[in-house]
Amino acid sequence: MELIINHTKKTFEILPGNLEVLMTMEIPQQKKGIAVAVNNHIIPRSSWAETMLKNKDSILIITATQGG
């Protein structure tokens, strides 16, 4: 199974069941400052658990940074 995460193909033996599981795998420590889009549709954090993933989905993860 394959997902495209931030324009990079990533292969999984078993695809994560939903977006919340994927985010826990990809960014386990990050709690705030994350925006996620699946197939060019922004998914609010409150919908991550209900957002099922399919083979070849495109996921864009943006994290806020500090600096000036």
PDB file of N, CA and C in Angstrom:
ATOM      1  N   MET A   1       0.848  -1.167   0.000  1.00  0.00           N
ATOM      2  CA  MET A   1       0.000   0.000   0.000  1.00  0.00           C
ATOM      3  C   MET A   1       0.899   1.237   0.000  1.00  0.00           C
ATOM      4  N   GLU A   2       0.414   2.300  -0.575  1.00  0.00           N
ATOM      5  CA  GLU A   2       1.253   3.476  -0.767  1.00  0.00           C
ATOM      6  C   GLU A   2       0.460   4.761  -0.515  1.00  0.00           C
ATOM      7  N   LEU A   3       1.110   5.695   0.174  1.00  0.00           N
ATOM      8  CA  LEU A   3       0.586   7.048   0.336  1.00  0.00           C
ATOM      9  C   LEU A   3       1.644   8.008  -0.183  1.00  0.00           C
ATOM     10  N   ILE A   4       1.213   9.158  -0.633  1.00  0.00           N
ATOM     11  CA  ILE A   4       2.149  10.206  -1.029  1.00  0.00           C
ATOM     12  C   ILE A   4       2.067  11.275   0.056  1.00  0.00           C
ATOM     13  N   ILE A   5       3.132  11.373   0.856  1.00  0.00           N
ATOM     14  CA  ILE A   5       3.160  12.296   1.982  1.00  0.00           C
ATOM     15  C   ILE A   5       4.156  13.402   1.666  1.00  0.00           C
ATOM     16  N   ASN A   6       3.666  14.637   1.610  1.00  0.00           N
ATOM     17  CA  ASN A   6       4.492  15.795   1.255  1.00  0.00           C
ATOM     18  C   ASN A   6       5.309  15.532  -0.012  1.00  0.00           C
ATOM     19  N   HIS A   7       4.629  15.027  -1.025  1.00  0.00           N
ATOM     20  CA  HIS A   7       5.191  14.801  -2.363  1.00  0.00           C
ATOM     21  C   HIS A   7       6.205  13.665  -2.417  1.00  0.00           C
ATOM     22  N   THR A   8       6.241  12.815  -1.377  1.00  0.00           N
ATOM     23  CA  THR A   8       7.153  11.674  -1.354  1.00  0.00           C
ATOM     24  C   THR A   8       6.351  10.394  -1.162  1.00  0.00           C
ATOM     25  N   LYS A   9       6.576   9.404  -2.032  1.00  0.00           N
ATOM     26  CA  LYS A   9       5.874   8.130  -1.902  1.00  0.00           C
ATOM     27  C   LYS A   9       6.377   7.385  -0.671  1.00  0.00           C
ATOM     28  N   LYS A  10       5.443   6.870   0.115  1.00  0.00           N
ATOM     29  CA  LYS A  10       5.789   6.084   1.291  1.00  0.00           C
ATOM     30  C   LYS A  10       4.974   4.801   1.238  1.00  0.00           C
ATOM     31  N   THR A  11       5.666   3.672   1.353  1.00  0.00           N
ATOM     32  CA  THR A  11       5.024   2.366   1.267  1.00  0.00           C
ATOM     33  C   THR A  11       4.766   1.826   2.667  1.00  0.00           C
ATOM     34  N   PHE A  12       3.588   1.250   2.843  1.00  0.00           N
ATOM     35  CA  PHE A  12       3.186   0.642   4.108  1.00  0.00           C
ATOM     36  C   PHE A  12       2.802  -0.802   3.837  1.00  0.00           C
ATOM     37  N   GLU A  13       3.202  -1.700   4.735  1.00  0.00           N
ATOM     38  CA  GLU A  13       2.763  -3.083   4.613  1.00  0.00           C
ATOM     39  C   GLU A  13       1.249  -3.146   4.811  1.00  0.00           C
ATOM     40  N   ILE A  14       0.785  -2.423   5.836  1.00  0.00           N
ATOM     41  CA  ILE A  14      -0.652  -2.260   6.085  1.00  0.00           C
ATOM     42  C   ILE A  14      -0.916  -0.769   6.184  1.00  0.00           C
ATOM     43  N   LEU A  15      -1.838  -0.275   5.387  1.00  0.00           N
ATOM     44  CA  LEU A  15      -2.153   1.153   5.356  1.00  0.00           C
ATOM     45  C   LEU A  15      -2.767   1.585   6.686  1.00  0.00           C
ATOM     46  N   PRO A  16      -2.315   2.738   7.250  1.00  0.00           N
ATOM     47  CA  PRO A  16      -2.966   3.245   8.467  1.00  0.00           C
ATOM     48  C   PRO A  16      -4.466   3.408   8.216  1.00  0.00           C
ATOM     49  N   GLY A  17      -5.271   3.013   9.193  1.00  0.00           N
ATOM     50  CA  GLY A  17      -6.718   3.002   9.009  1.00  0.00           C
ATOM     51  C   GLY A  17      -7.337   4.367   8.801  1.00  0.00           C
ATOM     52  N   ASN A  18      -6.792   5.374   9.473  1.00  0.00           N
ATOM     53  CA  ASN A  18      -7.364   6.711   9.325  1.00  0.00           C
ATOM     54  C   ASN A  18      -6.267   7.761   9.479  1.00  0.00           C
ATOM     55  N   LEU A  19      -6.638   9.002   9.267  1.00  0.00           N
ATOM     56  CA  LEU A  19      -5.665  10.090   9.297  1.00  0.00           C
ATOM     57  C   LEU A  19      -5.062  10.273  10.686  1.00  0.00           C
ATOM     58  N   GLU A  20      -5.845  10.066  11.731  1.00  0.00           N
ATOM     59  CA  GLU A  20      -5.336  10.212  13.091  1.00  0.00           C
ATOM     60  C   GLU A  20      -4.206   9.222  13.374  1.00  0.00           C
ATOM     61  N   VAL A  21      -4.356   7.990  12.939  1.00  0.00           N
ATOM     62  CA  VAL A  21      -3.303   6.975  13.110  1.00  0.00           C
ATOM     63  C   VAL A  21      -2.052   7.381  12.342  1.00  0.00           C
ATOM     64  N   LEU A  22      -2.229   7.835  11.115  1.00  0.00           N
ATOM     65  CA  LEU A  22      -1.079   8.273  10.311  1.00  0.00           C
ATOM     66  C   LEU A  22      -0.338   9.418  10.981  1.00  0.00           C
ATOM     67  N   MET A  23      -1.073  10.398  11.478  1.00  0.00           N
ATOM     68  CA  MET A  23      -0.436  11.556  12.110  1.00  0.00           C
ATOM     69  C   MET A  23       0.321  11.154  13.378  1.00  0.00           C
ATOM     70  N   THR A  24      -0.204  10.202  14.127  1.00  0.00           N
ATOM     71  CA  THR A  24       0.499   9.700  15.313  1.00  0.00           C
ATOM     72  C   THR A  24       1.799   9.016  14.893  1.00  0.00           C
ATOM     73  N   MET A  25       1.784   8.338  13.772  1.00  0.00           N
ATOM     74  CA  MET A  25       2.991   7.679  13.266  1.00  0.00           C
ATOM     75  C   MET A  25       4.006   8.691  12.737  1.00  0.00           C
ATOM     76  N   GLU A  26       3.538   9.680  11.999  1.00  0.00           N
ATOM     77  CA  GLU A  26       4.433  10.623  11.325  1.00  0.00           C
ATOM     78  C   GLU A  26       4.966  11.716  12.249  1.00  0.00           C
ATOM     79  N   ILE A  27       4.138  12.237  13.143  1.00  0.00           N
ATOM     80  CA  ILE A  27       4.544  13.340  14.024  1.00  0.00           C
ATOM     81  C   ILE A  27       4.025  13.042  15.435  1.00  0.00           C
ATOM     82  N   PRO A  28       4.645  12.084  16.129  1.00  0.00           N
ATOM     83  CA  PRO A  28       4.100  11.651  17.425  1.00  0.00           C
ATOM     84  C   PRO A  28       4.134  12.715  18.518  1.00  0.00           C
ATOM     85  N   GLN A  29       5.072  13.638  18.502  1.00  0.00           N
ATOM     86  CA  GLN A  29       5.209  14.627  19.569  1.00  0.00           C
ATOM     87  C   GLN A  29       4.442  15.916  19.316  1.00  0.00           C
ATOM     88  N   GLN A  30       4.070  16.180  18.080  1.00  0.00           N
ATOM     89  CA  GLN A  30       3.452  17.456  17.710  1.00  0.00           C
ATOM     90  C   GLN A  30       1.971  17.450  18.074  1.00  0.00           C
ATOM     91  N   LYS A  31       1.562  18.382  18.906  1.00  0.00           N
ATOM     92  CA  LYS A  31       0.160  18.468  19.318  1.00  0.00           C
ATOM     93  C   LYS A  31      -0.561  19.653  18.690  1.00  0.00           C
ATOM     94  N   LYS A  32       0.147  20.742  18.438  1.00  0.00           N
ATOM     95  CA  LYS A  32      -0.472  21.951  17.908  1.00  0.00           C
ATOM     96  C   LYS A  32       0.279  22.414  16.665  1.00  0.00           C
ATOM     97  N   GLY A  33      -0.346  23.323  15.938  1.00  0.00           N
ATOM     98  CA  GLY A  33       0.332  23.945  14.802  1.00  0.00           C
ATOM     99  C   GLY A  33       0.471  23.059  13.587  1.00  0.00           C
ATOM    100  N   ILE A  34      -0.489  22.149  13.381  1.00  0.00           N
ATOM    101  CA  ILE A  34      -0.433  21.257  12.229  1.00  0.00           C
ATOM    102  C   ILE A  34      -1.665  21.487  11.357  1.00  0.00           C
ATOM    103  N   ALA A  35      -1.443  21.585  10.057  1.00  0.00           N
ATOM    104  CA  ALA A  35      -2.532  21.612   9.084  1.00  0.00           C
ATOM    105  C   ALA A  35      -2.323  20.426   8.147  1.00  0.00           C
ATOM    106  N   VAL A  36      -3.423  19.748   7.812  1.00  0.00           N
ATOM    107  CA  VAL A  36      -3.326  18.560   6.966  1.00  0.00           C
ATOM    108  C   VAL A  36      -4.366  18.635   5.856  1.00  0.00           C
ATOM    109  N   ALA A  37      -3.929  18.261   4.658  1.00  0.00           N
ATOM    110  CA  ALA A  37      -4.845  18.148   3.526  1.00  0.00           C
ATOM    111  C   ALA A  37      -4.719  16.742   2.948  1.00  0.00           C
ATOM    112  N   VAL A  38      -5.840  16.171   2.596  1.00  0.00           N
ATOM    113  CA  VAL A  38      -5.876  14.869   1.937  1.00  0.00           C
ATOM    114  C   VAL A  38      -6.490  15.100   0.556  1.00  0.00           C
ATOM    115  N   ASN A  39      -5.711  14.775  -0.456  1.00  0.00           N
ATOM    116  CA  ASN A  39      -6.157  14.976  -1.843  1.00  0.00           C
ATOM    117  C   ASN A  39      -6.665  16.405  -2.055  1.00  0.00           C
ATOM    118  N   ASN A  40      -5.883  17.362  -1.583  1.00  0.00           N
ATOM    119  CA  ASN A  40      -6.136  18.798  -1.743  1.00  0.00           C
ATOM    120  C   ASN A  40      -7.357  19.324  -0.984  1.00  0.00           C
ATOM    121  N   HIS A  41      -7.844  18.566   0.001  1.00  0.00           N
ATOM    122  CA  HIS A  41      -8.948  19.019   0.845  1.00  0.00           C
ATOM    123  C   HIS A  41      -8.446  19.115   2.283  1.00  0.00           C
ATOM    124  N   ILE A  42      -8.539  20.303   2.880  1.00  0.00           N
ATOM    125  CA  ILE A  42      -8.095  20.496   4.258  1.00  0.00           C
ATOM    126  C   ILE A  42      -9.001  19.695   5.184  1.00  0.00           C
ATOM    127  N   ILE A  43      -8.372  18.984   6.107  1.00  0.00           N
ATOM    128  CA  ILE A  43      -9.114  18.166   7.065  1.00  0.00           C
ATOM    129  C   ILE A  43      -8.915  18.750   8.458  1.00  0.00           C
ATOM    130  N   PRO A  44      -9.979  19.228   9.102  1.00  0.00           N
ATOM    131  CA  PRO A  44      -9.833  19.750  10.456  1.00  0.00           C
ATOM    132  C   PRO A  44      -9.442  18.629  11.422  1.00  0.00           C
ATOM    133  N   ARG A  45      -8.691  18.986  12.443  1.00  0.00           N
ATOM    134  CA  ARG A  45      -8.228  17.995  13.417  1.00  0.00           C
ATOM    135  C   ARG A  45      -9.400  17.189  13.987  1.00  0.00           C
ATOM    136  N   SER A  46     -10.535  17.832  14.181  1.00  0.00           N
ATOM    137  CA  SER A  46     -11.700  17.138  14.742  1.00  0.00           C
ATOM    138  C   SER A  46     -12.218  16.024  13.826  1.00  0.00           C
ATOM    139  N   SER A  47     -11.782  16.000  12.575  1.00  0.00           N
ATOM    140  CA  SER A  47     -12.230  14.976  11.616  1.00  0.00           C
ATOM    141  C   SER A  47     -11.155  13.946  11.285  1.00  0.00           C
ATOM    142  N   TRP A  48      -9.990  14.041  11.895  1.00  0.00           N
ATOM    143  CA  TRP A  48      -8.914  13.107  11.567  1.00  0.00           C
ATOM    144  C   TRP A  48      -9.313  11.656  11.798  1.00  0.00           C
ATOM    145  N   ALA A  49      -9.978  11.376  12.916  1.00  0.00           N
ATOM    146  CA  ALA A  49     -10.333   9.987  13.237  1.00  0.00           C
ATOM    147  C   ALA A  49     -11.343   9.411  12.238  1.00  0.00           C
ATOM    148  N   GLU A  50     -12.188  10.257  11.672  1.00  0.00           N
ATOM    149  CA  GLU A  50     -13.199   9.792  10.720  1.00  0.00           C
ATOM    150  C   GLU A  50     -12.709   9.782   9.278  1.00  0.00           C
ATOM    151  N   THR A  51     -11.517  10.319   9.036  1.00  0.00           N
ATOM    152  CA  THR A  51     -11.002  10.415   7.671  1.00  0.00           C
ATOM    153  C   THR A  51     -10.233   9.142   7.329  1.00  0.00           C
ATOM    154  N   MET A  52     -10.881   8.257   6.583  1.00  0.00           N
ATOM    155  CA  MET A  52     -10.268   7.003   6.180  1.00  0.00           C
ATOM    156  C   MET A  52      -9.295   7.239   5.019  1.00  0.00           C
ATOM    157  N   LEU A  53      -8.221   6.515   5.012  1.00  0.00           N
ATOM    158  CA  LEU A  53      -7.207   6.657   3.966  1.00  0.00           C
ATOM    159  C   LEU A  53      -7.320   5.511   2.976  1.00  0.00           C
ATOM    160  N   LYS A  54      -6.994   5.823   1.712  1.00  0.00           N
ATOM    161  CA  LYS A  54      -7.025   4.837   0.649  1.00  0.00           C
ATOM    162  C   LYS A  54      -5.647   4.793  -0.026  1.00  0.00           C
ATOM    163  N   ASN A  55      -5.352   3.691  -0.643  1.00  0.00           N
ATOM    164  CA  ASN A  55      -4.119   3.535  -1.385  1.00  0.00           C
ATOM    165  C   ASN A  55      -3.965   4.686  -2.379  1.00  0.00           C
ATOM    166  N   LYS A  56      -2.776   5.260  -2.440  1.00  0.00           N
ATOM    167  CA  LYS A  56      -2.395   6.348  -3.358  1.00  0.00           C
ATOM    168  C   LYS A  56      -2.942   7.714  -2.962  1.00  0.00           C
ATOM    169  N   ASP A  57      -3.535   7.862  -1.759  1.00  0.00           N
ATOM    170  CA  ASP A  57      -3.961   9.190  -1.310  1.00  0.00           C
ATOM    171  C   ASP A  57      -2.745  10.101  -1.196  1.00  0.00           C
ATOM    172  N   SER A  58      -2.969  11.373  -1.455  1.00  0.00           N
ATOM    173  CA  SER A  58      -1.923  12.395  -1.329  1.00  0.00           C
ATOM    174  C   SER A  58      -2.184  13.189  -0.051  1.00  0.00           C
ATOM    175  N   ILE A  59      -1.218  13.170   0.863  1.00  0.00           N
ATOM    176  CA  ILE A  59      -1.330  13.845   2.154  1.00  0.00           C
ATOM    177  C   ILE A  59      -0.302  14.972   2.198  1.00  0.00           C
ATOM    178  N   LEU A  60      -0.764  16.164   2.536  1.00  0.00           N
ATOM    179  CA  LEU A  60       0.135  17.296   2.721  1.00  0.00           C
ATOM    180  C   LEU A  60       0.067  17.694   4.191  1.00  0.00           C
ATOM    181  N   ILE A  61       1.222  17.663   4.868  1.00  0.00           N
ATOM    182  CA  ILE A  61       1.313  18.009   6.285  1.00  0.00           C
ATOM    183  C   ILE A  61       2.149  19.275   6.398  1.00  0.00           C
ATOM    184  N   ILE A  62       1.559  20.295   7.010  1.00  0.00           N
ATOM    185  CA  ILE A  62       2.259  21.553   7.208  1.00  0.00           C
ATOM    186  C   ILE A  62       2.330  21.809   8.715  1.00  0.00           C
ATOM    187  N   THR A  63       3.528  22.090   9.204  1.00  0.00           N
ATOM    188  CA  THR A  63       3.691  22.394  10.623  1.00  0.00           C
ATOM    189  C   THR A  63       4.155  23.834  10.781  1.00  0.00           C
ATOM    190  N   ALA A  64       3.612  24.485  11.788  1.00  0.00           N
ATOM    191  CA  ALA A  64       4.006  25.858  12.083  1.00  0.00           C
ATOM    192  C   ALA A  64       5.403  25.859  12.690  1.00  0.00           C
ATOM    193  N   THR A  65       6.161  26.927  12.392  1.00  0.00           N
ATOM    194  CA  THR A  65       7.494  27.077  12.967  1.00  0.00           C
ATOM    195  C   THR A  65       7.590  28.466  13.602  1.00  0.00           C
ATOM    196  N   GLN A  66       8.534  28.571  14.530  1.00  0.00           N
ATOM    197  CA  GLN A  66       8.779  29.880  15.151  1.00  0.00           C
ATOM    198  C   GLN A  66      10.009  30.494  14.519  1.00  0.00           C
ATOM    199  N   GLY A  67      10.099  31.792  14.636  1.00  0.00           N
ATOM    200  CA  GLY A  67      11.266  32.478  14.097  1.00  0.00           C
ATOM    201  C   GLY A  67      10.878  33.862  13.622  1.00  0.00           C
ATOM    202  N   GLY A  68      11.863  34.557  13.171  1.00  0.00           N
ATOM    203  CA  GLY A  68      11.531  35.894  12.711  1.00  0.00           C
ATOM    204  C   GLY A  68      12.545  36.414  11.759  1.00  0.00           C
TER     205      GLY A  68
END
